[in-house]
Amino acid sequence: MGTPRPNPLQWVWYAYGGKLPDRYAEWVLHDVTCRTWVLRQLARALTQLAPLCVVILLLPGPLWIRLMSVLLGLLVGVFYSLSAMVETTEHRVIKHGHPPGIGRETRALYRDARRATKHAARRHRWWT
């Protein structure tokens, strides 16, 4: 990929919903449409939840209660993040100057291309 990537501080800003400079628009499209886009969404969600988990662990009280609170918070946070990931990624793409729907369309094109390649490879093995 020839597009520039944001540095770690910019990525954290982006993970919290911030807008990156215009030169990263293609990287944002790649970020929300590549094969690992779901894992990237999960990484952004965990980055957003990390400070809350640290605060909970620093509170006084029994360790098991704090650990269970962190676990429950992570489960709920990840659930909501993953349930809204398509809409969230579309919002990110629009925020960075791309037309609405381009993320979903690009993911569908990539998915269809991977399926066609996989199908062609299977067919080729079967005939040879």
Protein backbone atom coordinates (compact mmCIF):
# COMPACT_ATOMS: atom_id res chain seq x y z
CA MET A 1 0.00 0.00 0.00
CA GLY A 2 1.53 3.32 -1.06
CA THR A 3 -0.61 5.58 1.12
CA PRO A 4 0.85 7.09 4.28
CA ARG A 5 -0.09 5.62 7.65
CA PRO A 6 -0.82 7.74 10.71
CA ASN A 7 1.67 7.70 13.54
CA PRO A 8 0.62 6.06 16.85
CA LEU A 9 -0.62 9.31 18.40
CA GLN A 10 -2.69 10.11 15.32
CA TRP A 11 -4.06 6.55 15.31
CA VAL A 12 -5.23 6.93 18.92
CA TRP A 13 -6.93 10.20 17.96
CA TYR A 14 -8.55 8.38 15.03
CA ALA A 15 -9.58 5.47 17.29
CA TYR A 16 -11.44 7.93 19.53
CA GLY A 17 -13.31 9.30 16.51
CA GLY A 18 -11.03 12.16 15.52
CA LYS A 19 -10.50 13.23 11.92
CA LEU A 20 -7.09 12.65 10.40
CA PRO A 21 -5.48 15.08 7.93
CA ASP A 22 -6.67 14.74 4.33
CA ARG A 23 -3.52 12.89 3.24
CA TYR A 24 -4.73 9.85 5.23
CA ALA A 25 -8.12 9.58 3.47
CA GLU A 26 -7.05 6.57 1.40
CA TRP A 27 -5.60 4.87 4.46
CA VAL A 28 -8.93 5.33 6.27
CA LEU A 29 -10.74 3.69 3.36
CA HIS A 30 -8.25 0.82 3.48
CA ASP A 31 -8.63 0.59 7.26
CA VAL A 32 -12.39 0.05 7.10
CA THR A 33 -12.45 -2.17 3.98
CA CYS A 34 -9.44 -4.49 4.18
CA ARG A 35 -9.73 -8.19 4.99
CA THR A 36 -9.07 -7.53 8.70
CA TRP A 37 -11.49 -4.61 9.10
CA VAL A 38 -13.42 -6.34 11.89
CA LEU A 39 -10.23 -6.92 13.90
CA ARG A 40 -9.26 -3.28 13.35
CA GLN A 41 -12.67 -2.20 14.67
CA LEU A 42 -12.09 -4.41 17.71
CA ALA A 43 -8.69 -2.80 18.27
CA ARG A 44 -10.27 0.67 18.15
CA ALA A 45 -12.96 -0.41 20.63
CA LEU A 46 -10.41 -1.86 23.05
CA THR A 47 -8.34 1.32 22.77
CA GLN A 48 -11.40 3.35 23.76
CA LEU A 49 -12.17 1.04 26.68
CA ALA A 50 -8.61 0.77 28.04
CA PRO A 51 -8.56 3.99 30.14
CA LEU A 52 -11.85 3.06 31.81
CA CYS A 53 -10.49 -0.39 32.65
CA VAL A 54 -7.36 1.13 34.20
CA VAL A 55 -9.44 3.51 36.32
CA ILE A 56 -11.63 0.66 37.55
CA LEU A 57 -8.58 -1.42 38.46
CA LEU A 58 -7.13 1.49 40.46
CA LEU A 59 -10.26 1.93 42.58
CA PRO A 60 -10.19 0.61 46.13
CA GLY A 61 -12.05 -2.60 46.90
CA PRO A 62 -11.73 -6.32 46.48
CA LEU A 63 -9.69 -7.31 43.45
CA TRP A 64 -12.25 -9.86 42.24
CA ILE A 65 -14.97 -7.19 42.08
CA ARG A 66 -12.71 -4.85 40.12
CA LEU A 67 -11.69 -7.63 37.71
CA MET A 68 -15.28 -8.71 37.16
CA SER A 69 -16.27 -5.07 36.57
CA VAL A 70 -13.55 -4.73 33.93
CA LEU A 71 -14.63 -8.00 32.31
CA LEU A 72 -18.29 -6.98 32.21
CA GLY A 73 -17.40 -3.53 30.90
CA LEU A 74 -15.26 -5.04 28.16
CA LEU A 75 -17.98 -7.50 27.16
CA VAL A 76 -20.65 -4.80 26.95
CA GLY A 77 -18.35 -2.31 25.22
CA VAL A 78 -17.13 -4.80 22.62
CA PHE A 79 -20.68 -6.05 22.02
CA TYR A 80 -21.97 -2.55 21.28
CA SER A 81 -18.93 -1.67 19.21
CA LEU A 82 -19.22 -4.76 17.04
CA SER A 83 -22.98 -4.45 16.69
CA ALA A 84 -22.60 -0.94 15.24
CA MET A 85 -19.35 -1.48 13.34
CA VAL A 86 -20.80 -1.12 9.83
CA GLU A 87 -22.39 2.23 10.65
CA THR A 88 -19.30 3.39 12.56
CA THR A 89 -16.97 2.57 9.70
CA GLU A 90 -19.26 4.29 7.19
CA HIS A 91 -19.22 7.41 9.37
CA ARG A 92 -15.41 7.32 9.46
CA VAL A 93 -15.21 7.08 5.67
CA ILE A 94 -17.68 9.93 5.15
CA LYS A 95 -15.85 12.07 7.71
CA HIS A 96 -12.66 11.65 5.67
CA GLY A 97 -14.21 12.85 2.42
CA HIS A 98 -15.44 9.70 0.73
CA PRO A 99 -19.00 9.34 -0.59
CA PRO A 100 -21.61 7.55 1.54
CA GLY A 101 -21.75 3.80 0.99
CA ILE A 102 -18.23 3.47 -0.43
CA GLY A 103 -17.02 1.41 2.52
CA ARG A 104 -19.78 -1.16 2.25
CA GLU A 105 -19.42 -1.33 -1.56
CA THR A 106 -15.65 -1.73 -1.37
CA ARG A 107 -15.92 -4.52 1.20
CA ALA A 108 -18.46 -6.28 -1.04
CA LEU A 109 -16.15 -5.97 -4.07
CA TYR A 110 -13.17 -7.35 -2.11
CA ARG A 111 -15.31 -10.19 -0.73
CA ASP A 112 -16.59 -11.11 -4.20
CA ALA A 113 -13.06 -11.01 -5.65
CA ARG A 114 -11.74 -13.28 -2.88
CA ARG A 115 -14.61 -15.73 -3.43
CA ALA A 116 -14.06 -15.76 -7.20
CA THR A 117 -10.35 -16.37 -6.74
CA LYS A 118 -10.98 -19.14 -4.24
CA HIS A 119 -13.61 -20.72 -6.52
CA ALA A 120 -11.30 -20.53 -9.55
CA ALA A 121 -8.49 -22.15 -7.59
CA ARG A 122 -10.77 -25.00 -6.48
CA ARG A 123 -12.06 -25.49 -10.01
CA HIS A 124 -8.51 -25.48 -11.35
CA ARG A 125 -7.43 -28.17 -8.85
CA TRP A 126 -10.46 -30.29 -9.70
CA TRP A 127 -9.76 -30.26 -13.45
CA THR A 128 -6.01 -30.82 -13.22
